[in-house]
């Protein structure tokens, strides 16, 4: 306390000296220093308060004495070079835990232009109405910080705002609503309110804000018809209104050289056809129209989108032929599954050599697994489920060593299962069930894959050989979370299961045990895993289990990594890995809401 008083006295002395020789503002503003220090003192530091792995307590370096007593040199503080006023405060990912109220000293920093407090834990406090005191604010970021309750009307009075991010908080925007919030923000360019409960129609006023470059309104409970004028905003680059299932609309005719770079409409009730003018969006890099109600043929103009890196049209009603997309050399993700294409082969697919994710399930493919896939050496996800593929799995597939996810279920593949699967060291999910594979399979092939968490061999004509290994070293075995050995002619209980303590869904039939061991594994009661036909959710590996699926088909519900809602909270990419929960050890106040909506690095 004494040092604090001495600091203020020294600032006052400097104020007198500088005033004697100049009429300009003094460089030492004791009130701002005091306000910052009090703001710091109102919080505790908690290692559980921030999710960013690079988070650290920025305020820990703030000092009131010595060489570090200049608040303009404090970590996270920005001062105007001319006046010395504090104009920026960035304490994002600073491990701050506590509450903010309208009496906070923060609101005495009247010259603030940038306030970034994202990724802290403000303990479900409300955003104080005193935020309106900061009338000079240009940028306000309170995302991922556990603010709660109604967004205050006072934010609508911050007419200098160009960037507003309140996303991924348990907030609501009811009275006032979205229209009232933004109608005065005529300079706004970036608007991020994802996962805020809005539960209203999208106001037409958004289409009258010509500076908007970014609109992120994912999972806000929006409904009604989406204003078509928003697509024609002159500077709009990033638009994501995903997971608003009651929001209807259609795609307009796009102007030549439209500025949109990222367009995400997944999980909405949009319908109609893709306009041929979508090829005018020459800057488009990501297009996600999955899980909507689009229909008709894919326009040939898609091949004009040469900057495209991700194309996701899954789970719609598209039909007809898929025109060649070989002119899109930047594509890394091509997801076309679950449509009504009349497609027998895709001879051009091997030309997309940058692909890391390919999903072509349930689109009426015939013939053998295309050998041209051997060119896709960067492939991590291969999804060809529910087609009419025949022939054998050939050895070239084992050369795609980056593969983590292979789904070939429900085809007419036949012959033996190659023993070379052990070469795919990164493999996590392998679905081969409901085919015509035959012969004897040595389980050791799969037990060598240390990253394997899901294996489905059910519904084939296989005989599974379980080696005589004692598997005494638990650390050498994969940890299965889903294991399907239905109809694999097991003659004894798989002994390696004694170490499988993470199983969520184990199914095999017939349940024949030729062993008289008194081990609990061979007791009359079922093993400690699901054998009753039920399914369980698993948030660590994006298992989307469906109650109406038969157990032997439950593998179909495992989505590849990119299809589980996931994360970088980059501008234009408002996905968060809310399936990827970090198991924290620590106080019992661990934030379930925050775990469900994980922040990814910017």
Foldseek 3Di string as FASTA:
>chain_A
DVLLVVLLVVLVVQQVVVVVPDPAADLRDSLVLVLVVQLVVQWDADPQFFFPPVAAAQCVQADCDDPRNLVCPGPQWHADPRRNQTATGACASNRTEEADELPRSVLVSQNHAYYHHDGGERPQAADYLSVLSNLNHAEYHHDLHAHAEEHDLSLLNNQNYQYYAHALYNYEADVPAPCSSCLSNLNHAEDHHAPHARQEEDDPSLLVNLNHQFDHHAPRLYADEHDQSNQVRQRHAFDAHEQNARYEYEHDQDDACRRHAFDAHHNYAYEEEDDLNVLRPQNHAEDHPENYAYEEEHHPSVLSNQNHQEDAHYQYAYEEADDQNLSNQNHQEDHHEDYAYPDADHVSVLSNQNHQYYAHAHHAYEEADDPSCLSNLNHAYAHHDQYAHEEEDDPSVLNSQNHAYHAHYNYAYEEADDLSLLSNLNHAEDHDAQYAYEEEDECVSVQQNQNHAEDAHAHYHAAYDYDPDQCPPLNSGHAYQYYHAANNNDQADRNNCVSRPNHAAYEYPDPHHPDPDPPPPPDPDHPPYDHPQAGDDALQQQQDADRPDGSSPRSVRRDHPVPQFDDECDRSRNTHSLSRADDDDDDPVNPNSSSSGDYHHD
